Amino acid sequence: MEHHEDLHLIVVSPESTLFDGKVEIVTLPGELGSFSVLYDHAPLISSLIKGEIKYTEDELEKSIGISSGFVEVRDNIVSACVEI
């Protein structure tokens, strides 16, 4: 169900685009602990550590395992560049 309060999540690795779509929430493995991003989150840039990027798409929770990376959040777009 797409609505105006969705985030756009883009997860890319050097090899491919792992996900590019609308999500309701995304949880990322930051160096100081996991953190979640919802619609209208403040802008940020953070490094990522080994763990899972968890996100909810169409009310289903999904995840992508990563070994490291970084993320930028801006204007309801969450862009993660990761190593898997």
N, C-alpha and C. Protein backbone atom coordinates (compact mmCIF):
# COMPACT_ATOMS: atom_id res chain seq x y z
N MET A 1 0.84 -1.17 0.00
CA MET A 1 0.00 0.00 0.00
C MET A 1 0.89 1.24 0.00
N GLU A 2 0.88 1.98 -1.08
CA GLU A 2 1.71 3.19 -1.18
C GLU A 2 0.90 4.39 -0.72
N HIS A 3 1.53 5.21 0.09
CA HIS A 3 0.88 6.44 0.51
C HIS A 3 1.94 7.52 0.64
N HIS A 4 1.52 8.74 0.92
CA HIS A 4 2.42 9.89 0.88
C HIS A 4 3.46 9.88 2.00
N GLU A 5 3.33 9.02 2.98
CA GLU A 5 4.30 9.00 4.08
C GLU A 5 5.30 7.85 3.96
N ASP A 6 5.55 7.38 2.75
CA ASP A 6 6.55 6.35 2.53
C ASP A 6 7.93 6.97 2.35
N LEU A 7 8.93 6.21 2.74
CA LEU A 7 10.32 6.55 2.47
C LEU A 7 10.73 5.88 1.17
N HIS A 8 11.71 6.44 0.49
CA HIS A 8 12.32 5.78 -0.66
C HIS A 8 13.66 5.22 -0.17
N LEU A 9 13.81 3.91 -0.18
CA LEU A 9 15.04 3.24 0.25
C LEU A 9 15.79 2.74 -0.97
N ILE A 10 17.07 3.10 -1.03
CA ILE A 10 17.96 2.62 -2.08
C ILE A 10 19.16 1.98 -1.39
N VAL A 11 19.41 0.70 -1.68
CA VAL A 11 20.56 -0.01 -1.12
C VAL A 11 21.38 -0.52 -2.30
N VAL A 12 22.63 -0.04 -2.40
CA VAL A 12 23.50 -0.47 -3.49
C VAL A 12 24.80 -1.03 -2.92
N SER A 13 25.34 -2.00 -3.66
CA SER A 13 26.68 -2.53 -3.37
C SER A 13 27.51 -2.26 -4.62
N PRO A 14 28.83 -2.47 -4.55
CA PRO A 14 29.63 -2.28 -5.76
C PRO A 14 29.18 -3.17 -6.92
N GLU A 15 28.53 -4.30 -6.60
CA GLU A 15 28.13 -5.25 -7.63
C GLU A 15 26.76 -4.96 -8.23
N SER A 16 25.82 -4.45 -7.41
CA SER A 16 24.46 -4.31 -7.92
C SER A 16 23.59 -3.45 -7.01
N THR A 17 22.39 -3.15 -7.49
CA THR A 17 21.37 -2.52 -6.66
C THR A 17 20.62 -3.63 -5.93
N LEU A 18 20.66 -3.61 -4.60
CA LEU A 18 20.04 -4.66 -3.80
C LEU A 18 18.57 -4.38 -3.52
N PHE A 19 18.21 -3.10 -3.44
CA PHE A 19 16.81 -2.72 -3.24
C PHE A 19 16.63 -1.28 -3.67
N ASP A 20 15.51 -0.99 -4.30
CA ASP A 20 15.15 0.37 -4.69
C ASP A 20 13.63 0.44 -4.70
N GLY A 21 13.06 1.01 -3.63
CA GLY A 21 11.60 1.06 -3.57
C GLY A 21 11.10 1.81 -2.36
N LYS A 22 9.78 1.82 -2.22
CA LYS A 22 9.11 2.52 -1.12
C LYS A 22 8.99 1.60 0.10
N VAL A 23 9.27 2.16 1.27
CA VAL A 23 9.17 1.42 2.53
C VAL A 23 8.49 2.30 3.57
N GLU A 24 7.97 1.66 4.62
CA GLU A 24 7.36 2.41 5.70
C GLU A 24 8.38 2.81 6.76
N ILE A 25 9.35 1.92 7.03
CA ILE A 25 10.38 2.14 8.05
C ILE A 25 11.61 1.35 7.65
N VAL A 26 12.79 1.85 8.03
CA VAL A 26 14.03 1.12 7.82
C VAL A 26 14.86 1.21 9.09
N THR A 27 15.45 0.07 9.49
CA THR A 27 16.33 0.01 10.66
C THR A 27 17.72 -0.39 10.17
N LEU A 28 18.72 0.38 10.60
CA LEU A 28 20.09 0.22 10.10
C LEU A 28 21.06 -0.06 11.23
N PRO A 29 22.13 -0.85 10.97
CA PRO A 29 23.12 -1.17 12.01
C PRO A 29 24.22 -0.11 12.10
N GLY A 30 24.01 0.91 12.91
CA GLY A 30 25.00 1.97 13.07
C GLY A 30 26.09 1.58 14.06
N GLU A 31 27.19 2.32 14.06
CA GLU A 31 28.31 2.03 14.95
C GLU A 31 27.94 2.16 16.43
N LEU A 32 26.99 3.03 16.74
CA LEU A 32 26.57 3.22 18.14
C LEU A 32 25.30 2.44 18.46
N GLY A 33 24.93 1.54 17.58
CA GLY A 33 23.72 0.73 17.77
C GLY A 33 22.76 0.91 16.61
N SER A 34 21.79 0.04 16.53
CA SER A 34 20.80 0.12 15.46
C SER A 34 19.93 1.36 15.64
N PHE A 35 19.53 1.94 14.52
CA PHE A 35 18.62 3.08 14.56
C PHE A 35 17.60 2.96 13.43
N SER A 36 16.43 3.50 13.69
CA SER A 36 15.33 3.42 12.72
C SER A 36 15.06 4.78 12.10
N VAL A 37 14.63 4.75 10.86
CA VAL A 37 14.28 5.95 10.12
C VAL A 37 12.83 5.83 9.67
N LEU A 38 12.05 6.84 9.98
CA LEU A 38 10.66 6.95 9.56
C LEU A 38 10.50 8.15 8.64
N TYR A 39 9.33 8.30 8.08
CA TYR A 39 9.01 9.44 7.23
C TYR A 39 9.32 10.75 7.96
N ASP A 40 9.90 11.70 7.25
CA ASP A 40 10.21 13.04 7.75
C ASP A 40 11.33 13.05 8.80
N HIS A 41 12.24 12.07 8.73
CA HIS A 41 13.39 12.01 9.63
C HIS A 41 14.34 13.16 9.33
N ALA A 42 15.04 13.63 10.34
CA ALA A 42 16.05 14.67 10.15
C ALA A 42 17.17 14.15 9.25
N PRO A 43 17.79 15.02 8.46
CA PRO A 43 18.91 14.59 7.61
C PRO A 43 20.06 14.05 8.45
N LEU A 44 20.72 13.01 7.94
CA LEU A 44 21.90 12.48 8.63
C LEU A 44 22.75 11.68 7.67
N ILE A 45 24.01 11.52 8.07
CA ILE A 45 24.94 10.62 7.40
C ILE A 45 25.56 9.78 8.49
N SER A 46 25.64 8.45 8.28
CA SER A 46 26.19 7.56 9.30
C SER A 46 26.93 6.41 8.65
N SER A 47 27.97 5.94 9.32
CA SER A 47 28.61 4.70 8.88
C SER A 47 27.78 3.53 9.40
N LEU A 48 27.91 2.40 8.71
CA LEU A 48 27.18 1.19 9.07
C LEU A 48 28.17 0.07 9.36
N ILE A 49 27.80 -0.81 10.28
CA ILE A 49 28.64 -1.95 10.63
C ILE A 49 27.93 -3.23 10.21
N LYS A 50 28.62 -4.36 10.43
CA LYS A 50 28.05 -5.66 10.07
C LYS A 50 26.72 -5.86 10.77
N GLY A 51 25.73 -6.27 10.02
CA GLY A 51 24.40 -6.50 10.57
C GLY A 51 23.39 -6.60 9.45
N GLU A 52 22.17 -6.22 9.76
CA GLU A 52 21.09 -6.29 8.77
C GLU A 52 20.41 -4.93 8.61
N ILE A 53 20.13 -4.59 7.37
CA ILE A 53 19.23 -3.48 7.08
C ILE A 53 17.84 -4.10 7.03
N LYS A 54 17.00 -3.71 7.97
CA LYS A 54 15.64 -4.25 8.03
C LYS A 54 14.68 -3.16 7.58
N TYR A 55 13.71 -3.56 6.77
CA TYR A 55 12.74 -2.58 6.28
C TYR A 55 11.38 -3.23 6.13
N THR A 56 10.35 -2.40 6.17
CA THR A 56 8.98 -2.88 6.00
C THR A 56 8.45 -2.35 4.68
N GLU A 57 8.09 -3.30 3.81
CA GLU A 57 7.55 -2.98 2.49
C GLU A 57 6.21 -3.69 2.37
N ASP A 58 5.16 -2.95 2.07
CA ASP A 58 3.81 -3.52 1.96
C ASP A 58 3.45 -4.34 3.20
N GLU A 59 3.80 -3.81 4.36
CA GLU A 59 3.50 -4.41 5.67
C GLU A 59 4.23 -5.73 5.93
N LEU A 60 5.26 -6.05 5.13
CA LEU A 60 6.08 -7.24 5.34
C LEU A 60 7.50 -6.80 5.69
N GLU A 61 8.06 -7.40 6.78
CA GLU A 61 9.43 -7.06 7.15
C GLU A 61 10.40 -7.90 6.32
N LYS A 62 11.40 -7.22 5.75
CA LYS A 62 12.42 -7.87 4.94
C LYS A 62 13.78 -7.39 5.44
N SER A 63 14.86 -8.06 5.03
CA SER A 63 16.18 -7.62 5.48
C SER A 63 17.25 -7.95 4.44
N ILE A 64 18.35 -7.20 4.55
CA ILE A 64 19.53 -7.40 3.71
C ILE A 64 20.73 -7.45 4.64
N GLY A 65 21.49 -8.53 4.62
CA GLY A 65 22.70 -8.64 5.43
C GLY A 65 23.83 -7.85 4.80
N ILE A 66 24.56 -7.08 5.63
CA ILE A 66 25.69 -6.29 5.14
C ILE A 66 26.91 -6.51 6.04
N SER A 67 28.10 -6.19 5.50
CA SER A 67 29.31 -6.26 6.33
C SER A 67 29.78 -4.87 6.74
N SER A 68 29.46 -3.84 5.95
CA SER A 68 29.81 -2.46 6.29
C SER A 68 29.17 -1.53 5.27
N GLY A 69 29.32 -0.23 5.51
CA GLY A 69 28.82 0.74 4.55
C GLY A 69 28.55 2.08 5.18
N PHE A 70 27.78 2.89 4.48
CA PHE A 70 27.34 4.17 5.02
C PHE A 70 25.97 4.49 4.46
N VAL A 71 25.28 5.41 5.13
CA VAL A 71 23.92 5.77 4.73
C VAL A 71 23.75 7.27 4.80
N GLU A 72 22.96 7.81 3.89
CA GLU A 72 22.54 9.21 3.93
C GLU A 72 21.02 9.23 3.96
N VAL A 73 20.47 10.05 4.86
CA VAL A 73 19.03 10.27 4.93
C VAL A 73 18.78 11.74 4.62
N ARG A 74 17.95 11.99 3.60
CA ARG A 74 17.64 13.37 3.24
C ARG A 74 16.36 13.40 2.40
N ASP A 75 15.45 14.29 2.75
CA ASP A 75 14.21 14.48 1.98
C ASP A 75 13.44 13.18 1.77
N ASN A 76 13.35 12.36 2.82
CA ASN A 76 12.63 11.09 2.78
C ASN A 76 13.21 10.07 1.80
N ILE A 77 14.50 10.23 1.50
CA ILE A 77 15.24 9.25 0.71
C ILE A 77 16.36 8.71 1.58
N VAL A 78 16.40 7.39 1.73
CA VAL A 78 17.44 6.72 2.51
C VAL A 78 18.33 6.00 1.50
N SER A 79 19.58 6.48 1.35
CA SER A 79 20.52 5.92 0.38
C SER A 79 21.65 5.23 1.12
N ALA A 80 21.76 3.91 0.95
CA ALA A 80 22.81 3.14 1.61
C ALA A 80 23.74 2.53 0.57
N CYS A 81 25.03 2.73 0.77
CA CYS A 81 26.07 2.11 -0.05
C CYS A 81 26.77 1.10 0.85
N VAL A 82 26.70 -0.18 0.49
CA VAL A 82 27.13 -1.23 1.41
C VAL A 82 28.04 -2.25 0.74
N GLU A 83 28.78 -2.94 1.59
CA GLU A 83 29.49 -4.16 1.21
C GLU A 83 28.67 -5.31 1.79
N ILE A 84 28.52 -6.38 1.01
CA ILE A 84 27.74 -7.51 1.52
C ILE A 84 28.62 -8.69 1.85
